[in-house]
Protein backbone atom coordinates (compact mmCIF):
# COMPACT_ATOMS: atom_id res chain seq x y z
CA MET A 1 -18.27 34.67 -26.52
CA ARG A 2 -18.56 33.43 -22.99
CA ILE A 3 -21.27 35.58 -21.40
CA VAL A 4 -22.41 35.79 -17.78
CA VAL A 5 -25.91 37.27 -17.36
CA LYS A 6 -27.18 38.29 -13.93
CA VAL A 7 -30.90 38.82 -13.47
CA GLY A 8 -32.45 40.43 -10.43
CA THR A 9 -35.59 39.65 -8.48
CA SER A 10 -37.33 42.76 -9.85
CA THR A 11 -37.08 41.31 -13.36
CA LEU A 12 -38.23 37.79 -12.48
CA ALA A 13 -41.05 38.51 -10.04
CA HIS A 14 -43.90 40.91 -9.43
CA SER A 15 -44.04 42.87 -6.18
CA THR A 16 -46.27 40.06 -4.86
CA GLY A 17 -43.37 37.62 -5.16
CA ARG A 18 -45.17 35.69 -7.86
CA LEU A 19 -43.37 34.96 -11.11
CA ASN A 20 -43.42 37.61 -13.82
CA ILE A 21 -44.21 35.11 -16.55
CA ARG A 22 -43.71 37.42 -19.53
CA HIS A 23 -40.31 38.74 -18.42
CA THR A 24 -39.03 35.28 -17.47
CA GLU A 25 -40.20 33.66 -20.72
CA ASP A 26 -38.70 36.50 -22.79
CA LEU A 27 -35.38 36.16 -20.96
CA VAL A 28 -35.21 32.40 -21.49
CA LYS A 29 -36.06 32.79 -25.18
CA VAL A 30 -33.24 35.31 -25.74
CA LEU A 31 -30.68 33.30 -23.74
CA SER A 32 -31.60 30.17 -25.69
CA ASP A 33 -31.17 32.06 -28.94
CA LEU A 34 -27.73 33.31 -27.85
CA LYS A 35 -26.72 29.73 -27.12
CA ASN A 36 -28.03 28.66 -30.53
CA ALA A 37 -25.83 31.37 -32.07
CA GLY A 38 -22.76 29.73 -30.51
CA HIS A 39 -22.27 31.75 -27.33
CA GLU A 40 -21.58 30.10 -23.97
CA VAL A 41 -24.11 31.43 -21.46
CA ILE A 42 -24.03 31.36 -17.66
CA LEU A 43 -27.01 32.73 -15.73
CA VAL A 44 -26.68 34.17 -12.23
CA SER A 45 -30.23 34.37 -10.95
CA SER A 46 -31.74 36.05 -7.94
CA GLY A 47 -35.33 35.42 -6.96
CA ALA A 48 -35.36 32.40 -4.64
CA ILE A 49 -36.50 34.23 -1.52
CA GLY A 50 -39.01 36.35 -3.43
CA MET A 51 -40.52 33.34 -5.16
CA GLY A 52 -40.64 31.46 -1.88
CA VAL A 53 -42.63 34.32 -0.36
CA GLY A 54 -45.14 33.99 -3.17
CA LYS A 55 -45.21 30.19 -3.10
CA LEU A 56 -45.84 30.16 0.67
CA SER A 57 -48.48 32.91 0.31
CA LEU A 58 -46.79 35.11 2.92
CA PRO A 59 -48.13 38.67 3.18
CA SER A 60 -44.67 40.26 2.71
CA ARG A 61 -40.95 39.53 2.61
CA PRO A 62 -39.99 38.17 6.06
CA GLY A 63 -37.64 39.99 8.41
CA ASP A 64 -36.27 37.07 10.41
CA MET A 65 -33.45 34.93 9.07
CA ALA A 66 -35.09 31.52 9.61
CA THR A 67 -38.14 32.45 7.55
CA LYS A 68 -35.93 33.98 4.84
CA GLN A 69 -34.01 30.70 4.67
CA ALA A 70 -37.24 28.73 4.51
CA CYS A 71 -38.47 30.96 1.68
CA ALA A 72 -35.16 30.48 -0.14
CA ALA A 73 -35.43 26.69 0.16
CA VAL A 74 -38.97 26.66 -1.25
CA GLY A 75 -38.32 29.37 -3.82
CA GLN A 76 -35.13 27.79 -5.20
CA CYS A 77 -37.11 24.67 -6.12
CA GLU A 78 -39.73 26.79 -7.87
CA LEU A 79 -37.07 28.87 -9.62
CA MET A 80 -35.18 25.88 -11.02
CA TYR A 81 -38.38 24.07 -11.97
CA THR A 82 -39.42 27.14 -13.96
CA TYR A 83 -36.05 27.51 -15.68
CA ASP A 84 -35.82 23.79 -16.45
CA ARG A 85 -39.30 23.75 -17.98
CA LEU A 86 -38.76 26.88 -20.08
CA PHE A 87 -35.25 26.06 -21.33
CA THR A 88 -36.26 22.47 -22.14
CA ALA A 89 -38.82 23.89 -24.57
CA TYR A 90 -35.86 25.28 -26.54
CA ASN A 91 -33.83 22.04 -26.20
CA HIS A 92 -31.33 23.35 -23.65
CA ASN A 93 -30.29 21.60 -20.44
CA VAL A 94 -29.82 23.61 -17.25
CA ALA A 95 -27.63 22.91 -14.22
CA GLN A 96 -27.95 24.34 -10.72
CA ILE A 97 -24.95 25.60 -8.73
CA LEU A 98 -25.41 27.12 -5.27
CA LEU A 99 -22.42 28.95 -3.80
CA THR A 100 -21.33 30.56 -0.55
CA GLY A 101 -18.44 32.90 0.20
CA VAL A 102 -16.38 29.99 1.52
CA ASP A 103 -16.76 28.19 -1.81
CA VAL A 104 -15.11 30.99 -3.77
CA GLU A 105 -12.52 32.01 -1.16
CA HIS A 106 -11.21 28.51 -0.36
CA GLU A 107 -8.67 27.61 -3.07
CA GLY A 108 -9.67 23.95 -3.32
CA ARG A 109 -13.39 24.62 -3.44
CA ARG A 110 -12.93 27.43 -5.93
CA LEU A 111 -10.97 25.09 -8.21
CA ASN A 112 -13.71 22.47 -7.93
CA PHE A 113 -16.29 25.10 -8.88
CA GLN A 114 -14.21 26.23 -11.87
CA ASN A 115 -13.72 22.65 -13.06
CA THR A 116 -17.42 21.84 -12.74
CA LEU A 117 -18.48 25.03 -14.49
CA THR A 118 -16.00 24.49 -17.32
CA ARG A 119 -17.18 20.91 -17.84
CA LEU A 120 -20.84 21.95 -17.84
CA LEU A 121 -20.10 24.45 -20.61
CA GLU A 122 -18.20 21.79 -22.56
CA LEU A 123 -21.24 19.53 -22.27
CA GLY A 124 -23.47 22.27 -23.65
CA ALA A 125 -25.41 22.87 -20.44
CA LEU A 126 -26.53 26.27 -19.24
CA PRO A 127 -25.37 26.71 -15.61
CA ILE A 128 -27.70 28.67 -13.33
CA ILE A 129 -25.94 30.04 -10.26
CA ASN A 130 -27.31 31.56 -7.07
CA GLU A 131 -25.99 32.21 -3.60
CA ASN A 132 -26.92 29.42 -1.20
CA ASP A 133 -29.25 31.54 0.92
CA THR A 134 -30.31 28.60 3.11
CA VAL A 135 -26.83 28.38 4.70
CA ALA A 136 -25.03 31.65 3.85
CA THR A 137 -26.23 33.92 6.64
CA ASP A 138 -23.21 35.72 8.05
CA GLU A 139 -20.28 37.79 6.79
CA ILE A 140 -18.02 34.73 6.66
CA THR A 141 -20.17 32.59 4.38
CA SER A 142 -22.27 35.23 2.61
CA ILE A 143 -21.16 36.80 -0.66
CA GLY A 144 -23.77 39.48 -0.01
CA ASP A 145 -25.41 40.18 -3.34
CA ASN A 146 -25.67 38.64 -6.78
CA ASP A 147 -23.92 41.54 -8.55
CA THR A 148 -20.78 40.57 -6.64
CA LEU A 149 -21.46 36.87 -7.18
CA ALA A 150 -21.81 37.45 -10.93
CA ALA A 151 -18.50 39.34 -10.99
CA ILE A 152 -16.76 36.52 -9.10
CA VAL A 153 -18.16 33.96 -11.56
CA THR A 154 -17.04 36.10 -14.51
CA CYS A 155 -13.49 36.28 -13.19
CA CYS A 156 -13.38 32.57 -12.20
CA ILE A 157 -14.47 31.34 -15.61
CA HIS A 158 -12.60 34.01 -17.62
CA ALA A 159 -15.77 35.20 -19.33
CA ASP A 160 -15.64 37.86 -22.02
CA LEU A 161 -18.70 39.78 -20.86
CA LEU A 162 -20.87 40.30 -17.79
CA VAL A 163 -24.38 41.72 -18.21
CA LEU A 164 -26.26 42.92 -15.14
CA LEU A 165 -29.97 43.04 -15.93
CA SER A 166 -31.57 45.38 -13.44
CA ASP A 167 -34.56 47.69 -12.96
CA ILE A 168 -32.62 50.69 -14.26
CA ASP A 169 -31.40 51.44 -17.80
CA GLY A 170 -27.78 51.98 -16.76
CA LEU A 171 -25.54 54.51 -15.02
CA TYR A 172 -26.80 58.09 -15.11
CA THR A 173 -25.14 61.46 -14.52
CA ALA A 174 -27.57 61.89 -11.59
CA ASN A 175 -30.52 60.09 -10.06
CA PRO A 176 -33.10 60.03 -12.89
CA HIS A 177 -35.93 59.79 -10.34
CA THR A 178 -35.07 63.16 -8.82
CA HIS A 179 -33.24 64.82 -11.72
CA PRO A 180 -35.32 64.80 -14.94
CA ASP A 181 -32.33 66.17 -16.86
CA ALA A 182 -30.10 63.22 -15.89
CA LYS A 183 -28.37 61.61 -18.87
CA LEU A 184 -27.57 57.95 -19.42
CA ILE A 185 -23.82 57.34 -19.69
CA PRO A 186 -23.38 54.94 -22.64
CA VAL A 187 -19.71 54.03 -22.12
CA VAL A 188 -17.35 54.18 -19.13
CA GLU A 189 -13.74 53.75 -20.22
CA ARG A 190 -12.27 54.01 -16.71
CA ILE A 191 -13.88 53.73 -13.29
CA THR A 192 -12.66 56.93 -11.69
CA PRO A 193 -13.55 58.35 -8.24
CA GLU A 194 -15.99 60.64 -10.07
CA VAL A 195 -17.76 57.59 -11.57
CA LEU A 196 -17.89 55.86 -8.18
CA ALA A 197 -19.41 59.00 -6.65
CA LEU A 198 -22.39 58.66 -9.01
CA ALA A 199 -23.52 55.57 -7.11
CA ASP A 200 -24.88 57.76 -4.32
CA GLY A 201 -27.47 59.21 -6.65
CA ALA A 202 -27.86 56.91 -9.62
CA GLY A 203 -30.25 54.18 -8.64
CA SER A 204 -28.79 53.37 -5.23
CA ALA A 205 -32.31 52.69 -3.93
CA LEU A 206 -33.27 50.46 -6.86
CA GLY A 207 -33.04 46.70 -6.81
CA THR A 208 -31.43 44.66 -4.07
CA GLY A 209 -27.79 45.51 -4.64
CA GLY A 210 -28.03 49.11 -5.78
CA MET A 211 -25.66 50.96 -8.07
CA SER A 212 -22.70 50.81 -5.68
CA THR A 213 -22.56 47.01 -5.87
CA LYS A 214 -22.77 47.19 -9.66
CA LEU A 215 -19.82 49.57 -9.82
CA ARG A 216 -17.79 47.30 -7.54
CA ALA A 217 -18.65 44.42 -9.88
CA ALA A 218 -17.48 46.54 -12.82
CA GLN A 219 -14.17 47.21 -11.07
CA MET A 220 -13.62 43.48 -10.57
CA VAL A 221 -14.40 42.30 -14.10
CA THR A 222 -12.83 45.17 -16.05
CA ALA A 223 -9.58 44.64 -14.12
CA GLU A 224 -9.60 41.10 -15.57
CA GLY A 225 -10.13 42.42 -19.11
CA ALA A 226 -13.85 41.64 -19.44
CA ASP A 227 -16.52 44.16 -20.40
CA MET A 228 -19.56 44.74 -18.21
CA VAL A 229 -22.94 46.18 -19.18
CA ILE A 230 -25.80 47.40 -17.00
CA ALA A 231 -29.13 47.20 -18.85
CA ASN A 232 -32.84 47.09 -18.13
CA GLY A 233 -34.07 43.56 -17.41
CA SER A 234 -37.54 44.45 -18.68
CA HIS A 235 -36.07 44.34 -22.19
CA PRO A 236 -34.02 41.12 -22.48
CA GLU A 237 -33.87 41.56 -26.27
CA LEU A 238 -31.16 44.15 -25.51
CA LEU A 239 -28.87 41.16 -24.97
CA TYR A 240 -28.67 40.76 -28.77
CA ASP A 241 -27.24 44.28 -29.13
CA ILE A 242 -24.97 43.84 -26.12
CA ALA A 243 -23.51 40.56 -27.40
CA ASP A 244 -22.83 42.18 -30.78
CA GLY A 245 -21.17 45.23 -29.20
CA ARG A 246 -23.93 47.65 -30.15
CA PRO A 247 -24.95 50.47 -27.77
CA ALA A 248 -27.30 49.39 -24.98
CA GLY A 249 -27.39 50.47 -21.35
CA THR A 250 -24.01 51.42 -19.90
CA ARG A 251 -20.92 49.50 -21.03
CA PHE A 252 -17.82 49.43 -18.84
CA ALA A 253 -14.78 48.71 -20.98
CA GLY A 254 -12.41 45.99 -19.81
CA ARG A 255 -8.75 46.86 -19.45
CA LYS A 256 -6.90 45.48 -22.43
CA GLU A 257 -3.24 44.54 -22.12
CA GLY A 258 -0.70 46.25 -24.33
């Protein structure tokens, strides 16, 4: 299969902004194993700003745009250095692609991106994609969040599956933090208004994007026939079950023609 995996900052880094070594190494090991099994893997990775905060020893995540951009510039180097070092240990080459909203909305640029991504996969590389936070600062150029970016990549490259690794196990019937009786929803066949309404309670305060952005991503990719799964990034070994179609997290079924 062609699989897009999105990983959030909460999985890659501690609250200090420093790298969560165990989670990152576990993720790379599983992704490398999936490639060894014959799958094509594309990684959409957050974490540049957070890692830049740690690298620059700032006391907290900055509020002003210029410092955020500076953190992104420093953190992106650290992020790619880490991925390159870890994937090389498993004999896999990585490639960096930084995108803005203009890149995916402009027909010519989008085609260039698709062609490059397709050729990287043909060459056996593992593309690592992030939003270009050093230049994408306004509504025109900014995609906004990496859940949406991952969905755009999935649709552009006609992937079979999108996996959003987050800090929550999946979509719940209610907010599990405030409702102890909330139940994990294993499969969503159709994204109805009732399903969308769950975003207000189910993890909307967790992670950077929240549940609402994940449901919008699910709407995009399932409309193109791909499945999408939300799973806990603390357990990257779940990717084995997800790739094999076994229950894990919440799976949104792609619309099949016919």
